[in-house]
């Protein structure tokens, strides 16, 4: 059980850093590093599907168990340590259906 808790804490830390990098919460730093400024406060950008289409989603989705499963899948597939932002390994229609149902 200690491994599971440790893994979850590491995942939460990485997610927090990633959301800060891809959201409006780190605006001053993003501005200096050349990140786009079109992400509204309380949202973050994700890239979905084979064509990696960009979607802006509310941070509140991070608390939903279904979205957390999608994040675990993304970590297994791509890891969270890359510069592009959060990439989700699912079909775009699935992502749109899931986020619509969770809102």
C-alpha atoms as a PDB file:
ATOM      1  CA  UNK A   1       0.000   0.000   0.000  1.00  0.00           C
ATOM      2  CA  UNK A   2       2.947   2.377   0.607  1.00  0.00           C
ATOM      3  CA  UNK A   3       4.015   2.021  -3.017  1.00  0.00           C
ATOM      4  CA  UNK A   4       0.545   2.877  -4.229  1.00  0.00           C
ATOM      5  CA  UNK A   5       0.385   6.000  -2.027  1.00  0.00           C
ATOM      6  CA  UNK A   6       3.882   7.054  -3.099  1.00  0.00           C
ATOM      7  CA  UNK A   7       3.009   6.572  -6.758  1.00  0.00           C
ATOM      8  CA  UNK A   8      -0.180   8.578  -6.355  1.00  0.00           C
ATOM      9  CA  UNK A   9       1.666  11.431  -4.624  1.00  0.00           C
ATOM     10  CA  UNK A  10       4.256  11.502  -7.419  1.00  0.00           C
ATOM     11  CA  UNK A  11       1.494  11.549 -10.027  1.00  0.00           C
ATOM     12  CA  UNK A  12      -0.305  14.391  -8.235  1.00  0.00           C
ATOM     13  CA  UNK A  13       2.920  16.417  -8.052  1.00  0.00           C
ATOM     14  CA  UNK A  14       3.666  15.904 -11.734  1.00  0.00           C
ATOM     15  CA  UNK A  15       0.068  16.772 -12.679  1.00  0.00           C
ATOM     16  CA  UNK A  16       0.199  19.928 -10.576  1.00  0.00           C
ATOM     17  CA  UNK A  17       3.387  21.014 -12.358  1.00  0.00           C
ATOM     18  CA  UNK A  18       1.984  20.144 -15.770  1.00  0.00           C
ATOM     19  CA  UNK A  19      -1.287  21.976 -15.159  1.00  0.00           C
ATOM     20  CA  UNK A  20       0.624  25.016 -13.960  1.00  0.00           C
ATOM     21  CA  UNK A  21       2.769  24.926 -17.106  1.00  0.00           C
ATOM     22  CA  UNK A  22      -0.247  24.478 -19.442  1.00  0.00           C
ATOM     23  CA  UNK A  23      -2.767  26.713 -17.673  1.00  0.00           C
ATOM     24  CA  UNK A  24      -3.369  30.318 -16.848  1.00  0.00           C
ATOM     25  CA  UNK A  25      -2.025  29.856 -13.310  1.00  0.00           C
ATOM     26  CA  UNK A  26       1.551  30.362 -14.478  1.00  0.00           C
ATOM     27  CA  UNK A  27       0.810  33.274 -16.812  1.00  0.00           C
ATOM     28  CA  UNK A  28       3.830  35.413 -15.946  1.00  0.00           C
ATOM     29  CA  UNK A  29       6.246  32.527 -16.460  1.00  0.00           C
ATOM     30  CA  UNK A  30       4.409  31.353 -19.595  1.00  0.00           C
ATOM     31  CA  UNK A  31       4.578  34.804 -21.077  1.00  0.00           C
ATOM     32  CA  UNK A  32       8.338  34.846 -20.656  1.00  0.00           C
ATOM     33  CA  UNK A  33       8.776  31.367 -22.131  1.00  0.00           C
ATOM     34  CA  UNK A  34       6.599  32.039 -25.183  1.00  0.00           C
ATOM     35  CA  UNK A  35       3.613  29.881 -24.258  1.00  0.00           C
ATOM     36  CA  UNK A  36       0.249  30.900 -25.752  1.00  0.00           C
ATOM     37  CA  UNK A  37      -1.854  33.227 -23.644  1.00  0.00           C
ATOM     38  CA  UNK A  38      -5.289  31.987 -24.811  1.00  0.00           C
ATOM     39  CA  UNK A  39      -5.912  29.608 -21.902  1.00  0.00           C
ATOM     40  CA  UNK A  40      -8.550  31.138 -19.594  1.00  0.00           C
ATOM     41  CA  UNK A  41      -8.046  31.187 -15.847  1.00  0.00           C
ATOM     42  CA  UNK A  42      -9.016  27.865 -14.277  1.00  0.00           C
ATOM     43  CA  UNK A  43      -8.435  25.863 -17.479  1.00  0.00           C
ATOM     44  CA  UNK A  44      -5.599  23.953 -19.106  1.00  0.00           C
ATOM     45  CA  UNK A  45      -4.744  22.741 -22.585  1.00  0.00           C
ATOM     46  CA  UNK A  46      -4.703  19.102 -23.675  1.00  0.00           C
ATOM     47  CA  UNK A  47      -3.840  17.524 -27.008  1.00  0.00           C
ATOM     48  CA  UNK A  48      -6.137  14.740 -28.175  1.00  0.00           C
ATOM     49  CA  UNK A  49      -6.397  12.230 -30.998  1.00  0.00           C
ATOM     50  CA  UNK A  50      -4.079  11.190 -33.788  1.00  0.00           C
ATOM     51  CA  UNK A  51      -3.865  14.737 -35.113  1.00  0.00           C
ATOM     52  CA  UNK A  52      -3.191  16.112 -31.595  1.00  0.00           C
ATOM     53  CA  UNK A  53      -5.978  18.687 -31.713  1.00  0.00           C
ATOM     54  CA  UNK A  54      -5.783  21.146 -28.849  1.00  0.00           C
ATOM     55  CA  UNK A  55      -8.662  21.431 -26.384  1.00  0.00           C
ATOM     56  CA  UNK A  56      -9.053  23.779 -23.431  1.00  0.00           C
ATOM     57  CA  UNK A  57     -10.674  22.094 -20.426  1.00  0.00           C
ATOM     58  CA  UNK A  58     -11.533  23.269 -16.912  1.00  0.00           C
ATOM     59  CA  UNK A  59      -9.218  22.221 -14.097  1.00  0.00           C
ATOM     60  CA  UNK A  60     -12.280  20.891 -12.251  1.00  0.00           C
ATOM     61  CA  UNK A  61     -12.212  17.847 -14.569  1.00  0.00           C
ATOM     62  CA  UNK A  62      -9.090  16.638 -12.761  1.00  0.00           C
ATOM     63  CA  UNK A  63     -11.228  15.557  -9.807  1.00  0.00           C
ATOM     64  CA  UNK A  64     -13.446  13.184 -11.816  1.00  0.00           C
ATOM     65  CA  UNK A  65     -12.497   9.483 -11.587  1.00  0.00           C
ATOM     66  CA  UNK A  66     -13.104   8.923 -15.323  1.00  0.00           C
ATOM     67  CA  UNK A  67     -10.767  11.776 -16.237  1.00  0.00           C
ATOM     68  CA  UNK A  68      -8.197  10.482 -13.754  1.00  0.00           C
ATOM     69  CA  UNK A  69      -8.257   7.119 -15.550  1.00  0.00           C
ATOM     70  CA  UNK A  70      -7.583   8.956 -18.795  1.00  0.00           C
ATOM     71  CA  UNK A  71      -4.634  10.720 -17.128  1.00  0.00           C
ATOM     72  CA  UNK A  72      -3.229   7.396 -15.910  1.00  0.00           C
ATOM     73  CA  UNK A  73      -3.507   6.060 -19.448  1.00  0.00           C
ATOM     74  CA  UNK A  74      -1.692   9.171 -20.720  1.00  0.00           C
ATOM     75  CA  UNK A  75       1.097   8.680 -18.183  1.00  0.00           C
ATOM     76  CA  UNK A  76       1.562   5.044 -19.226  1.00  0.00           C
ATOM     77  CA  UNK A  77       1.512   5.926 -22.919  1.00  0.00           C
ATOM     78  CA  UNK A  78       3.522   9.157 -23.052  1.00  0.00           C
ATOM     79  CA  UNK A  79       4.672  10.067 -19.552  1.00  0.00           C
ATOM     80  CA  UNK A  80       4.192  13.558 -18.214  1.00  0.00           C
ATOM     81  CA  UNK A  81       7.702  14.879 -18.760  1.00  0.00           C
ATOM     82  CA  UNK A  82       7.581  16.497 -22.186  1.00  0.00           C
ATOM     83  CA  UNK A  83       7.296  20.053 -23.448  1.00  0.00           C
ATOM     84  CA  UNK A  84       4.204  19.812 -25.662  1.00  0.00           C
ATOM     85  CA  UNK A  85       1.698  19.788 -22.832  1.00  0.00           C
ATOM     86  CA  UNK A  86      -0.683  17.099 -21.717  1.00  0.00           C
ATOM     87  CA  UNK A  87      -1.311  14.604 -24.521  1.00  0.00           C
ATOM     88  CA  UNK A  88      -4.225  12.202 -24.079  1.00  0.00           C
ATOM     89  CA  UNK A  89      -4.085   8.878 -25.944  1.00  0.00           C
ATOM     90  CA  UNK A  90      -7.715   8.599 -26.944  1.00  0.00           C
ATOM     91  CA  UNK A  91      -9.965   9.245 -29.884  1.00  0.00           C
ATOM     92  CA  UNK A  92     -11.161  12.840 -30.114  1.00  0.00           C
ATOM     93  CA  UNK A  93     -14.847  11.830 -30.204  1.00  0.00           C
ATOM     94  CA  UNK A  94     -14.366   9.805 -27.023  1.00  0.00           C
ATOM     95  CA  UNK A  95     -12.691  12.785 -25.335  1.00  0.00           C
ATOM     96  CA  UNK A  96     -15.452  15.180 -26.369  1.00  0.00           C
ATOM     97  CA  UNK A  97     -18.134  12.754 -25.171  1.00  0.00           C
ATOM     98  CA  UNK A  98     -16.375  12.218 -21.854  1.00  0.00           C
ATOM     99  CA  UNK A  99     -15.800  15.905 -21.137  1.00  0.00           C
ATOM    100  CA  UNK A 100     -19.355  16.777 -22.158  1.00  0.00           C
ATOM    101  CA  UNK A 101     -20.725  14.166 -19.761  1.00  0.00           C
ATOM    102  CA  UNK A 102     -18.478  15.340 -16.900  1.00  0.00           C
ATOM    103  CA  UNK A 103     -19.376  19.040 -17.164  1.00  0.00           C
END
